[in-house]
PDB file of N, CA and C in Angstrom:
ATOM      1  N   MET A   1      -3.268 -13.692  -1.103  1.00  0.00           N
ATOM      2  CA  MET A   1      -2.157 -13.448  -1.485  1.00  0.00           C
ATOM      3  C   MET A   1      -1.297 -12.655  -1.283  1.00  0.00           C
ATOM      4  N   LYS A   2       0.003 -12.536  -0.754  1.00  0.00           N
ATOM      5  CA  LYS A   2       0.631 -10.960  -0.459  1.00  0.00           C
ATOM      6  C   LYS A   2       1.359 -10.859  -0.954  1.00  0.00           C
ATOM      7  N   ASP A   3       1.541  -9.400  -0.916  1.00  0.00           N
ATOM      8  CA  ASP A   3       2.401  -8.934  -2.435  1.00  0.00           C
ATOM      9  C   ASP A   3       3.827  -8.979  -1.668  1.00  0.00           C
ATOM     10  N   SER A   4       4.990  -9.219  -2.600  1.00  0.00           N
ATOM     11  CA  SER A   4       6.110  -9.246  -1.627  1.00  0.00           C
ATOM     12  C   SER A   4       6.764  -7.508  -2.294  1.00  0.00           C
ATOM     13  N   TYR A   5       6.845  -6.574  -1.433  1.00  0.00           N
ATOM     14  CA  TYR A   5       7.310  -5.475  -1.731  1.00  0.00           C
ATOM     15  C   TYR A   5       8.823  -5.448  -0.944  1.00  0.00           C
ATOM     16  N   ASN A   6       9.605  -6.178  -0.285  1.00  0.00           N
ATOM     17  CA  ASN A   6      10.772  -6.253   0.353  1.00  0.00           C
ATOM     18  C   ASN A   6      11.886  -6.200  -0.596  1.00  0.00           C
ATOM     19  N   GLU A   7      11.837  -6.172  -2.110  1.00  0.00           N
ATOM     20  CA  GLU A   7      12.642  -5.895  -2.894  1.00  0.00           C
ATOM     21  C   GLU A   7      12.524  -4.645  -3.645  1.00  0.00           C
ATOM     22  N   LEU A   8      11.697  -3.618  -3.356  1.00  0.00           N
ATOM     23  CA  LEU A   8      11.639  -2.325  -3.619  1.00  0.00           C
ATOM     24  C   LEU A   8      12.413  -1.548  -3.352  1.00  0.00           C
ATOM     25  N   THR A   9      12.908  -0.777  -3.930  1.00  0.00           N
ATOM     26  CA  THR A   9      13.815   0.484  -3.139  1.00  0.00           C
ATOM     27  C   THR A   9      12.441   1.580  -2.473  1.00  0.00           C
ATOM     28  N   TYR A  10      13.328   2.431  -2.279  1.00  0.00           N
ATOM     29  CA  TYR A  10      12.557   3.489  -1.090  1.00  0.00           C
ATOM     30  C   TYR A  10      11.938   4.452  -1.972  1.00  0.00           C
ATOM     31  N   GLU A  11      12.006   4.463  -3.185  1.00  0.00           N
ATOM     32  CA  GLU A  11      11.497   5.336  -4.053  1.00  0.00           C
ATOM     33  C   GLU A  11      10.113   4.732  -4.377  1.00  0.00           C
ATOM     34  N   GLU A  12      10.777   3.452  -5.319  1.00  0.00           N
ATOM     35  CA  GLU A  12       9.367   2.452  -5.270  1.00  0.00           C
ATOM     36  C   GLU A  12       8.581   2.367  -4.243  1.00  0.00           C
ATOM     37  N   LEU A  13       8.643   1.938  -3.131  1.00  0.00           N
ATOM     38  CA  LEU A  13       7.435   2.204  -1.927  1.00  0.00           C
ATOM     39  C   LEU A  13       7.005   3.541  -2.284  1.00  0.00           C
ATOM     40  N   TRP A  14       7.481   4.505  -2.125  1.00  0.00           N
ATOM     41  CA  TRP A  14       6.790   5.894  -2.218  1.00  0.00           C
ATOM     42  C   TRP A  14       5.577   5.578  -3.122  1.00  0.00           C
ATOM     43  N   LYS A  15       5.813   5.153  -4.154  1.00  0.00           N
ATOM     44  CA  LYS A  15       4.971   5.383  -5.674  1.00  0.00           C
ATOM     45  C   LYS A  15       3.763   4.343  -5.387  1.00  0.00           C
ATOM     46  N   LYS A  16       4.087   3.200  -4.627  1.00  0.00           N
ATOM     47  CA  LYS A  16       3.511   1.716  -4.665  1.00  0.00           C
ATOM     48  C   LYS A  16       2.327   2.505  -3.555  1.00  0.00           C
ATOM     49  N   ARG A  17       2.907   2.901  -2.415  1.00  0.00           N
ATOM     50  CA  ARG A  17       1.460   3.696  -1.458  1.00  0.00           C
ATOM     51  C   ARG A  17       0.637   4.684  -1.968  1.00  0.00           C
ATOM     52  N   ASN A  18       1.502   5.861  -2.482  1.00  0.00           N
ATOM     53  CA  ASN A  18       0.295   6.879  -3.570  1.00  0.00           C
ATOM     54  C   ASN A  18      -0.557   5.634  -4.355  1.00  0.00           C
ATOM     55  N   GLU A  19      -0.460   5.160  -4.979  1.00  0.00           N
ATOM     56  CA  GLU A  19      -0.708   3.934  -6.195  1.00  0.00           C
ATOM     57  C   GLU A  19      -2.442   3.469  -4.882  1.00  0.00           C
ATOM     58  N   LEU A  20      -1.992   2.854  -3.839  1.00  0.00           N
ATOM     59  CA  LEU A  20      -2.371   2.365  -3.010  1.00  0.00           C
ATOM     60  C   LEU A  20      -3.278   3.272  -2.275  1.00  0.00           C
ATOM     61  N   LYS A  21      -2.916   4.340  -1.845  1.00  0.00           N
ATOM     62  CA  LYS A  21      -3.573   5.221  -1.418  1.00  0.00           C
ATOM     63  C   LYS A  21      -4.861   5.879  -2.676  1.00  0.00           C
ATOM     64  N   LYS A  22      -4.509   6.217  -3.340  1.00  0.00           N
ATOM     65  CA  LYS A  22      -5.373   6.257  -4.387  1.00  0.00           C
ATOM     66  C   LYS A  22      -6.559   5.295  -4.548  1.00  0.00           C
ATOM     67  N   ARG A  23      -6.066   3.965  -4.534  1.00  0.00           N
ATOM     68  CA  ARG A  23      -6.924   2.808  -5.052  1.00  0.00           C
ATOM     69  C   ARG A  23      -8.065   2.826  -4.053  1.00  0.00           C
ATOM     70  N   PHE A  24      -7.584   2.907  -2.468  1.00  0.00           N
ATOM     71  CA  PHE A  24      -8.458   3.084  -1.706  1.00  0.00           C
ATOM     72  C   PHE A  24      -9.291   4.092  -1.747  1.00  0.00           C
ATOM     73  N   MET A  25      -9.344   5.073  -1.943  1.00  0.00           N
ATOM     74  CA  MET A  25     -10.133   6.920  -1.730  1.00  0.00           C
ATOM     75  C   MET A  25     -11.003   5.762  -3.115  1.00  0.00           C
ATOM     76  N   ASP A  26     -10.655   5.249  -4.051  1.00  0.00           N
ATOM     77  CA  ASP A  26     -11.641   4.952  -5.258  1.00  0.00           C
ATOM     78  C   ASP A  26     -12.463   4.152  -4.738  1.00  0.00           C
ATOM     79  N   ILE A  27     -12.268   3.050  -3.810  1.00  0.00           N
ATOM     80  CA  ILE A  27     -12.918   2.089  -3.241  1.00  0.00           C
ATOM     81  C   ILE A  27     -13.834   2.599  -2.206  1.00  0.00           C
ATOM     82  N   ARG A  28     -13.727   3.552  -1.736  1.00  0.00           N
ATOM     83  CA  ARG A  28     -14.506   3.947  -0.407  1.00  0.00           C
ATOM     84  C   ARG A  28     -15.232   4.818  -1.324  1.00  0.00           C
ATOM     85  N   PHE A  29     -15.051   5.880  -2.491  1.00  0.00           N
ATOM     86  CA  PHE A  29     -15.855   6.424  -3.190  1.00  0.00           C
ATOM     87  C   PHE A  29     -17.119   5.451  -3.987  1.00  0.00           C
ATOM     88  N   ASP A  30     -16.714   4.176  -4.294  1.00  0.00           N
ATOM     89  CA  ASP A  30     -17.634   3.240  -4.781  1.00  0.00           C
ATOM     90  C   ASP A  30     -18.480   3.232  -3.797  1.00  0.00           C
ATOM     91  N   LYS A  31     -18.018   2.608  -2.918  1.00  0.00           N
ATOM     92  CA  LYS A  31     -19.255   2.219  -1.801  1.00  0.00           C
ATOM     93  C   LYS A  31     -20.445   3.253  -1.632  1.00  0.00           C
ATOM     94  N   VAL A  32     -19.693   4.251  -0.988  1.00  0.00           N
ATOM     95  CA  VAL A  32     -20.766   5.481  -0.975  1.00  0.00           C
ATOM     96  C   VAL A  32     -21.469   5.522  -2.365  1.00  0.00           C
ATOM     97  N   VAL A  33     -21.328   5.254  -3.191  1.00  0.00           N
ATOM     98  CA  VAL A  33     -22.339   5.218  -4.625  1.00  0.00           C
ATOM     99  C   VAL A  33     -22.884   4.139  -4.634  1.00  0.00           C
ATOM    100  N   GLY A  34     -22.389   3.077  -3.851  1.00  0.00           N
ATOM    101  CA  GLY A  34     -23.237   1.874  -4.078  1.00  0.00           C
ATOM    102  C   GLY A  34     -23.073   0.694  -4.822  1.00  0.00           C
ATOM    103  N   HIS A  35     -22.025   0.973  -5.691  1.00  0.00           N
ATOM    104  CA  HIS A  35     -21.660  -0.506  -6.715  1.00  0.00           C
ATOM    105  C   HIS A  35     -20.251  -0.566  -6.362  1.00  0.00           C
ATOM    106  N   MET A  36     -20.105  -1.476  -5.149  1.00  0.00           N
ATOM    107  CA  MET A  36     -18.756  -2.289  -4.859  1.00  0.00           C
ATOM    108  C   MET A  36     -18.956  -3.613  -5.327  1.00  0.00           C
ATOM    109  N   GLU A  37     -18.208  -4.181  -5.938  1.00  0.00           N
ATOM    110  CA  GLU A  37     -17.910  -5.343  -6.480  1.00  0.00           C
ATOM    111  C   GLU A  37     -17.323  -6.200  -5.417  1.00  0.00           C
ATOM    112  N   ASN A  38     -16.631  -6.065  -4.483  1.00  0.00           N
ATOM    113  CA  ASN A  38     -15.424  -6.876  -3.757  1.00  0.00           C
ATOM    114  C   ASN A  38     -15.588  -5.917  -2.695  1.00  0.00           C
ATOM    115  N   PRO A  39     -16.487  -5.901  -1.294  1.00  0.00           N
ATOM    116  CA  PRO A  39     -16.385  -5.713  -0.400  1.00  0.00           C
ATOM    117  C   PRO A  39     -15.180  -5.887   0.356  1.00  0.00           C
ATOM    118  N   LEU A  40     -14.359  -6.877   0.584  1.00  0.00           N
ATOM    119  CA  LEU A  40     -13.202  -7.531   1.329  1.00  0.00           C
ATOM    120  C   LEU A  40     -12.541  -6.327   0.633  1.00  0.00           C
ATOM    121  N   GLU A  41     -12.448  -5.790  -0.615  1.00  0.00           N
ATOM    122  CA  GLU A  41     -10.893  -5.299  -1.146  1.00  0.00           C
ATOM    123  C   GLU A  41     -11.053  -3.906   0.241  1.00  0.00           C
ATOM    124  N   LYS A  42     -11.526  -3.119   0.102  1.00  0.00           N
ATOM    125  CA  LYS A  42     -11.131  -2.265   1.113  1.00  0.00           C
ATOM    126  C   LYS A  42     -10.381  -2.532   2.176  1.00  0.00           C
ATOM    127  N   ARG A  43     -10.360  -3.666   2.883  1.00  0.00           N
ATOM    128  CA  ARG A  43      -9.654  -4.186   3.858  1.00  0.00           C
ATOM    129  C   ARG A  43      -8.444  -4.776   3.106  1.00  0.00           C
ATOM    130  N   THR A  44      -8.279  -5.453   2.405  1.00  0.00           N
ATOM    131  CA  THR A  44      -6.877  -5.919   1.658  1.00  0.00           C
ATOM    132  C   THR A  44      -6.036  -4.868   1.396  1.00  0.00           C
ATOM    133  N   VAL A  45      -6.695  -3.505   0.876  1.00  0.00           N
ATOM    134  CA  VAL A  45      -6.105  -2.174   0.065  1.00  0.00           C
ATOM    135  C   VAL A  45      -5.237  -1.649   1.368  1.00  0.00           C
ATOM    136  N   ARG A  46      -5.825  -1.674   2.652  1.00  0.00           N
ATOM    137  CA  ARG A  46      -5.636  -1.450   3.671  1.00  0.00           C
ATOM    138  C   ARG A  46      -4.522  -1.824   4.476  1.00  0.00           C
ATOM    139  N   LYS A  47      -4.638  -2.883   4.258  1.00  0.00           N
ATOM    140  CA  LYS A  47      -3.361  -3.854   5.379  1.00  0.00           C
ATOM    141  C   LYS A  47      -2.065  -3.756   4.159  1.00  0.00           C
ATOM    142  N   LYS A  48      -2.586  -3.625   3.054  1.00  0.00           N
ATOM    143  CA  LYS A  48      -1.220  -3.569   1.967  1.00  0.00           C
ATOM    144  C   LYS A  48      -0.732  -2.031   2.161  1.00  0.00           C
ATOM    145  N   ILE A  49      -1.454  -1.323   2.472  1.00  0.00           N
ATOM    146  CA  ILE A  49      -0.739   0.113   2.741  1.00  0.00           C
ATOM    147  C   ILE A  49       0.000   0.050   3.864  1.00  0.00           C
ATOM    148  N   ALA A  50      -0.495  -0.711   4.624  1.00  0.00           N
ATOM    149  CA  ALA A  50       0.242  -0.812   6.306  1.00  0.00           C
ATOM    150  C   ALA A  50       1.466  -1.117   6.096  1.00  0.00           C
ATOM    151  N   ARG A  51       1.598  -2.628   5.866  1.00  0.00           N
ATOM    152  CA  ARG A  51       3.029  -3.388   4.982  1.00  0.00           C
ATOM    153  C   ARG A  51       3.893  -2.178   3.768  1.00  0.00           C
ATOM    154  N   VAL A  52       3.227  -1.572   2.982  1.00  0.00           N
ATOM    155  CA  VAL A  52       4.323  -0.374   2.478  1.00  0.00           C
ATOM    156  C   VAL A  52       4.664   0.408   3.576  1.00  0.00           C
ATOM    157  N   ASN A  53       3.559   1.378   4.594  1.00  0.00           N
ATOM    158  CA  ASN A  53       4.102   1.751   5.445  1.00  0.00           C
ATOM    159  C   ASN A  53       5.336   1.689   6.328  1.00  0.00           C
ATOM    160  N   THR A  54       4.920   0.429   6.940  1.00  0.00           N
ATOM    161  CA  THR A  54       6.223  -0.332   7.919  1.00  0.00           C
ATOM    162  C   THR A  54       7.680  -0.255   6.921  1.00  0.00           C
ATOM    163  N   LEU A  55       7.275  -0.697   5.700  1.00  0.00           N
ATOM    164  CA  LEU A  55       8.784  -0.595   4.859  1.00  0.00           C
ATOM    165  C   LEU A  55       9.597   0.657   5.043  1.00  0.00           C
ATOM    166  N   ILE A  56       8.700   1.388   4.117  1.00  0.00           N
ATOM    167  CA  ILE A  56       9.002   2.863   4.494  1.00  0.00           C
ATOM    168  C   ILE A  56       9.875   3.356   6.000  1.00  0.00           C
ATOM    169  N   HIS A  57       9.106   3.238   6.796  1.00  0.00           N
ATOM    170  CA  HIS A  57       9.663   3.423   8.157  1.00  0.00           C
ATOM    171  C   HIS A  57      10.773   2.649   8.080  1.00  0.00           C
ATOM    172  N   GLU A  58      10.743   1.922   8.170  1.00  0.00           N
ATOM    173  CA  GLU A  58      12.455   0.715   8.391  1.00  0.00           C
ATOM    174  C   GLU A  58      13.317   2.000   8.076  1.00  0.00           C
ATOM    175  N   TYR A  59      13.143   1.996   6.502  1.00  0.00           N
ATOM    176  CA  TYR A  59      14.014   2.602   6.113  1.00  0.00           C
ATOM    177  C   TYR A  59      14.318   3.891   6.096  1.00  0.00           C
ATOM    178  N   ASP A  60      13.711   4.866   7.094  1.00  0.00           N
ATOM    179  CA  ASP A  60      13.683   5.984   7.697  1.00  0.00           C
ATOM    180  C   ASP A  60      14.138   5.855   9.004  1.00  0.00           C
ATOM    181  N   LEU A  61      14.279   4.679   9.734  1.00  0.00           N
ATOM    182  CA  LEU A  61      14.992   4.254  11.192  1.00  0.00           C
ATOM    183  C   LEU A  61      16.093   3.485  10.646  1.00  0.00           C
ATOM    184  N   GLY A  62      16.550   3.224   9.404  1.00  0.00           N
ATOM    185  CA  GLY A  62      17.787   2.969   9.021  1.00  0.00           C
ATOM    186  C   GLY A  62      17.815   1.224   9.450  1.00  0.00           C
ATOM    187  N   VAL A  63      17.038   0.497   9.388  1.00  0.00           N
ATOM    188  CA  VAL A  63      16.974  -0.421   9.453  1.00  0.00           C
ATOM    189  C   VAL A  63      16.935  -1.796   8.689  1.00  0.00           C
ATOM    190  N   ARG A  64      16.419  -1.190   7.498  1.00  0.00           N
ATOM    191  CA  ARG A  64      16.786  -1.600   5.990  1.00  0.00           C
ATOM    192  C   ARG A  64      17.709  -0.321   4.948  1.00  0.00           C
ATOM    193  N   LYS A  65      18.384  -1.158   4.442  1.00  0.00           N
ATOM    194  CA  LYS A  65      19.408  -0.010   3.984  1.00  0.00           C
ATOM    195  C   LYS A  65      19.377  -0.490   2.207  1.00  0.00           C
ATOM    196  N   SER A  66      19.280   0.749   1.920  1.00  0.00           N
ATOM    197  CA  SER A  66      18.562   0.537   0.141  1.00  0.00           C
ATOM    198  C   SER A  66      20.241  -0.246  -0.310  1.00  0.00           C
ATOM    199  N   GLN A  67      20.133  -1.149  -1.457  1.00  0.00           N
ATOM    200  CA  GLN A  67      20.927  -2.070  -2.082  1.00  0.00           C
ATOM    201  C   GLN A  67      21.752  -1.528  -3.531  1.00  0.00           C
ATOM    202  N   GLU A  68      21.840  -0.384  -3.266  1.00  0.00           N
ATOM    203  CA  GLU A  68      22.644   0.335  -4.150  1.00  0.00           C
ATOM    204  C   GLU A  68      24.301   0.253  -4.252  1.00  0.00           C
TER     205      GLU A  68
END
């Protein structure tokens, strides 16, 4: 299931990206230690980070405007 990030503001996207990056690092650490519950979660978190980065880049380019 895709998460919908389209209605988030620029600042919320930055916060979400930082949360996802922290989660990705935790997943990587768990894999190295050897007790990873869901190995596919690494892939899904990486894709979510890419989606959020795309939206942030759209704001930077001016393609997406803030709804204020």
